[in-house]
Amino acid sequence: MKLQSVFDESFRPYGKVVEGYDFEALLQALALTPCPSDGTVYQPSEPAMEALPVFQQLQDRMYGGMPIQIGYCNGHNQRLNCLEYHRDSEVNVAGDEMVLLVSSLQKVQEGHLDTREVEAFVVPAGTAVQLYETTLHYAPATAPGGKGFRVVIVLPRGTNTDLPQGLECHNLEDRLLRARNKWLIAHPEAPEAAQGAFVGLTGENPTVE
């Protein structure tokens, strides 16, 4: 895939680089979290990170006082596999250089998206980015030549936790709902597809090498 930078003009439809926050202590806490050598691990809420002063700053300023959670996603990954979206922005703070695979929710038709619409953006280590509500994304990919990644994930409180029991499907979008505030579209080759996720990504499963 063509690798672009989050500092490029081409990233503007998807998000922006976040400035005005001191993420040093947050990145130090991230460095202590596990990073599997095979696959990825995701923790929606990490108490050690949420105890830092930047938690309140992000909650008050970045999210305008809305309750938030700070967690992480770490590991090794090269393939797209899925795309997800939320009803709000997500902030990523990269502990290691990584690649974000993204597209636009507006391009989804009846739950389907051609993976040729997916773009790849390099996020340098130490950089924070905001992904807009309409930006489709998923677990980052390991940067070429990298040894895995660690990234802080900031979202509204409760996102990516278990859904309430007894939810019924009344429309197509309900079929995409996989967790609280998480709508997901899988590629046929993705493990999530075998687990019952809605399959709507067509074409090749993009790989970052």
Protein backbone atom coordinates (compact mmCIF):
# COMPACT_ATOMS: atom_id res chain seq x y z
CA MET A 1 0.00 0.00 0.00
CA LYS A 2 1.06 3.59 -0.55
CA LEU A 3 2.17 4.97 2.82
CA GLN A 4 1.27 8.58 3.52
CA SER A 5 1.86 10.69 6.64
CA VAL A 6 -0.68 11.99 9.15
CA PHE A 7 1.02 15.35 8.54
CA ASP A 8 0.00 15.24 4.86
CA GLU A 9 -2.95 17.21 3.50
CA SER A 10 -4.50 13.89 2.47
CA PHE A 11 -5.14 13.00 6.14
CA ARG A 12 -7.45 15.99 6.71
CA PRO A 13 -10.71 14.13 5.82
CA TYR A 14 -9.92 11.50 8.46
CA GLY A 15 -8.53 13.42 11.42
CA LYS A 16 -5.80 15.71 12.66
CA VAL A 17 -2.62 15.73 14.73
CA VAL A 18 -3.40 16.67 18.36
CA GLU A 19 -1.31 19.39 19.99
CA GLY A 20 -1.36 21.22 23.31
CA TYR A 21 -1.13 18.21 25.66
CA ASP A 22 1.83 16.70 27.52
CA PHE A 23 1.73 12.96 26.78
CA GLU A 24 5.14 12.07 28.26
CA ALA A 25 3.84 10.39 31.43
CA LEU A 26 1.13 8.62 29.44
CA LEU A 27 3.70 7.19 27.04
CA GLN A 28 5.85 6.06 29.98
CA ALA A 29 2.86 4.17 31.38
CA LEU A 30 2.17 2.71 27.94
CA ALA A 31 5.72 1.33 27.75
CA LEU A 32 4.95 -0.86 30.79
CA THR A 33 1.95 -2.55 29.15
CA PRO A 34 2.24 -5.98 27.46
CA CYS A 35 2.99 -6.22 23.74
CA PRO A 36 2.34 -9.71 22.34
CA SER A 37 4.66 -11.00 19.62
CA ASP A 38 1.74 -12.59 17.77
CA GLY A 39 -1.53 -10.70 17.32
CA THR A 40 -2.77 -7.79 19.37
CA VAL A 41 -4.15 -7.06 22.83
CA TYR A 42 -6.72 -4.37 23.57
CA GLN A 43 -7.58 -2.94 26.97
CA PRO A 44 -10.40 -0.35 26.93
CA SER A 45 -9.57 1.16 30.33
CA GLU A 46 -6.21 1.16 32.14
CA PRO A 47 -6.34 2.59 35.71
CA ALA A 48 -2.65 3.56 35.74
CA MET A 49 -3.18 5.75 32.70
CA GLU A 50 -6.44 7.21 33.95
CA ALA A 51 -4.73 8.27 37.20
CA LEU A 52 -2.46 10.68 35.30
CA PRO A 53 -3.19 14.45 35.09
CA VAL A 54 -3.59 14.26 31.29
CA PHE A 55 -6.72 12.13 31.79
CA GLN A 56 -8.63 15.08 33.26
CA GLN A 57 -7.20 17.44 30.65
CA LEU A 58 -8.39 15.23 27.80
CA GLN A 59 -11.78 14.71 29.42
CA ASP A 60 -12.34 18.41 30.05
CA ARG A 61 -10.86 19.86 26.88
CA MET A 62 -10.68 17.25 24.13
CA TYR A 63 -14.07 15.74 24.95
CA GLY A 64 -15.72 18.85 26.37
CA GLY A 65 -16.43 17.33 29.78
CA MET A 66 -17.79 14.00 28.53
CA PRO A 67 -16.70 10.93 30.55
CA ILE A 68 -13.80 9.16 28.84
CA GLN A 69 -11.62 6.08 29.18
CA ILE A 70 -7.93 5.63 28.38
CA GLY A 71 -6.66 2.22 27.36
CA TYR A 72 -4.25 0.71 24.87
CA CYS A 73 -3.85 -1.55 21.84
CA ASN A 74 -0.49 -3.31 21.49
CA GLY A 75 1.06 -6.04 19.39
CA HIS A 76 1.94 -7.02 15.86
CA ASN A 77 -0.37 -6.74 12.85
CA GLN A 78 0.02 -6.40 9.10
CA ARG A 79 -3.49 -6.82 7.69
CA LEU A 80 -6.62 -4.70 7.61
CA ASN A 81 -9.10 -7.51 8.48
CA CYS A 82 -11.87 -5.18 9.68
CA LEU A 83 -13.00 -1.58 9.89
CA GLU A 84 -14.99 -0.08 12.75
CA TYR A 85 -16.52 3.24 13.70
CA HIS A 86 -17.93 4.97 16.78
CA ARG A 87 -20.41 7.77 17.47
CA ASP A 88 -17.52 10.08 18.36
CA SER A 89 -13.86 10.82 17.79
CA GLU A 90 -11.04 8.57 18.96
CA VAL A 91 -7.61 9.78 20.05
CA ASN A 92 -4.53 7.62 19.43
CA VAL A 93 -1.14 8.38 21.01
CA ALA A 94 1.56 6.32 19.33
CA GLY A 95 4.25 4.84 21.54
CA ASP A 96 5.92 3.36 18.46
CA GLU A 97 5.76 4.27 14.80
CA MET A 98 2.69 2.61 13.35
CA VAL A 99 0.39 2.66 10.34
CA LEU A 100 -3.32 3.52 10.43
CA LEU A 101 -5.55 1.98 7.76
CA VAL A 102 -8.59 4.19 7.30
CA SER A 103 -11.50 5.03 5.05
CA SER A 104 -14.68 7.13 5.22
CA LEU A 105 -18.03 6.00 6.59
CA GLN A 106 -19.69 7.97 3.79
CA LYS A 107 -18.28 5.45 1.29
CA VAL A 108 -20.08 2.50 2.90
CA GLN A 109 -23.09 1.35 0.87
CA GLU A 110 -25.55 -1.09 2.46
CA GLY A 111 -22.85 -2.20 4.88
CA HIS A 112 -20.28 -2.84 2.16
CA LEU A 113 -17.00 -1.15 1.22
CA ASP A 114 -14.42 -1.91 -1.46
CA THR A 115 -11.01 -2.12 0.22
CA ARG A 116 -9.55 -0.06 -2.63
CA GLU A 117 -11.06 2.88 -0.72
CA VAL A 118 -8.71 2.23 2.24
CA GLU A 119 -5.68 4.51 2.72
CA ALA A 120 -2.58 4.02 4.88
CA PHE A 121 -1.00 6.71 7.08
CA VAL A 122 2.20 6.52 9.09
CA VAL A 123 2.01 7.87 12.66
CA PRO A 124 5.48 8.64 14.09
CA ALA A 125 6.29 7.55 17.64
CA GLY A 126 5.14 10.13 20.19
CA THR A 127 2.49 11.59 17.86
CA ALA A 128 -1.16 11.93 18.88
CA VAL A 129 -3.96 11.95 16.32
CA GLN A 130 -7.69 12.47 16.50
CA LEU A 131 -9.76 10.18 14.26
CA TYR A 132 -13.12 11.72 13.42
CA GLU A 133 -16.44 9.97 14.01
CA THR A 134 -16.82 9.26 10.29
CA THR A 135 -13.36 7.67 9.99
CA LEU A 136 -13.37 3.91 9.60
CA HIS A 137 -10.38 2.35 11.35
CA TYR A 138 -9.26 -0.72 13.31
CA ALA A 139 -6.12 -2.04 14.98
CA PRO A 140 -3.00 -0.29 13.64
CA ALA A 141 -0.49 -2.09 11.45
CA THR A 142 3.14 -2.53 12.36
CA ALA A 143 5.30 -0.01 10.50
CA PRO A 144 7.66 -1.51 7.88
CA GLY A 145 10.79 -2.68 9.67
CA GLY A 146 9.11 -2.24 13.06
CA LYS A 147 9.02 -4.70 15.93
CA GLY A 148 5.37 -4.17 16.85
CA PHE A 149 3.49 -1.21 18.26
CA ARG A 150 2.01 0.23 21.41
CA VAL A 151 -0.69 2.89 21.18
CA VAL A 152 -2.84 4.70 23.73
CA ILE A 153 -6.56 4.67 22.86
CA VAL A 154 -8.85 7.40 24.22
CA LEU A 155 -12.61 7.02 23.81
CA PRO A 156 -15.85 7.91 25.63
CA ARG A 157 -16.40 5.80 28.73
CA GLY A 158 -17.89 2.38 28.03
CA THR A 159 -16.84 2.12 24.39
CA ASN A 160 -15.83 -1.38 23.24
CA THR A 161 -17.26 -3.04 26.35
CA ASP A 162 -20.02 -5.66 26.38
CA LEU A 163 -23.36 -4.80 24.82
CA PRO A 164 -26.53 -4.77 26.93
CA GLN A 165 -28.32 -8.11 26.93
CA GLY A 166 -31.33 -8.72 24.71
CA LEU A 167 -30.67 -6.22 21.93
CA GLU A 168 -32.71 -6.87 18.79
CA CYS A 169 -31.83 -6.01 15.19
CA HIS A 170 -34.24 -3.64 13.47
CA ASN A 171 -32.07 -2.42 10.59
CA LEU A 172 -28.85 -3.17 8.75
CA GLU A 173 -26.65 -1.04 11.00
CA ASP A 174 -27.83 -3.02 14.03
CA ARG A 175 -26.19 -6.07 12.44
CA LEU A 176 -22.83 -4.26 12.54
CA LEU A 177 -23.01 -3.57 16.29
CA ARG A 178 -20.39 -5.74 18.03
CA ALA A 179 -19.83 -3.91 21.34
CA ARG A 180 -20.90 -0.71 23.04
CA ASN A 181 -20.37 2.19 20.63
CA LYS A 182 -18.63 -0.15 18.14
CA TRP A 183 -19.96 -0.89 14.67
CA LEU A 184 -17.75 -3.30 12.71
CA ILE A 185 -17.42 -4.47 9.10
CA ALA A 186 -15.25 -7.54 8.51
CA HIS A 187 -13.32 -8.91 5.55
CA PRO A 188 -14.11 -12.55 4.68
CA GLU A 189 -10.54 -13.54 5.64
CA ALA A 190 -10.71 -11.90 9.07
CA PRO A 191 -10.95 -14.03 12.22
CA GLU A 192 -13.85 -11.79 13.26
CA ALA A 193 -15.84 -13.04 10.25
CA ALA A 194 -15.61 -16.61 11.56
CA GLN A 195 -16.83 -15.29 14.91
CA GLY A 196 -20.05 -13.94 13.39
CA ALA A 197 -19.11 -10.36 12.48
CA PHE A 198 -20.91 -8.78 9.54
CA VAL A 199 -18.89 -9.39 6.35
CA GLY A 200 -18.93 -6.29 4.18
CA LEU A 201 -15.36 -5.57 3.05
CA THR A 202 -14.84 -6.63 -0.56
CA GLY A 203 -11.64 -6.99 -2.57
CA GLU A 204 -8.19 -7.78 -1.24
CA ASN A 205 -7.41 -7.74 2.47
CA PRO A 206 -4.78 -4.94 2.46
CA THR A 207 -1.39 -5.74 3.93
CA VAL A 208 1.36 -3.43 5.21
CA GLU A 209 4.79 -4.91 4.62
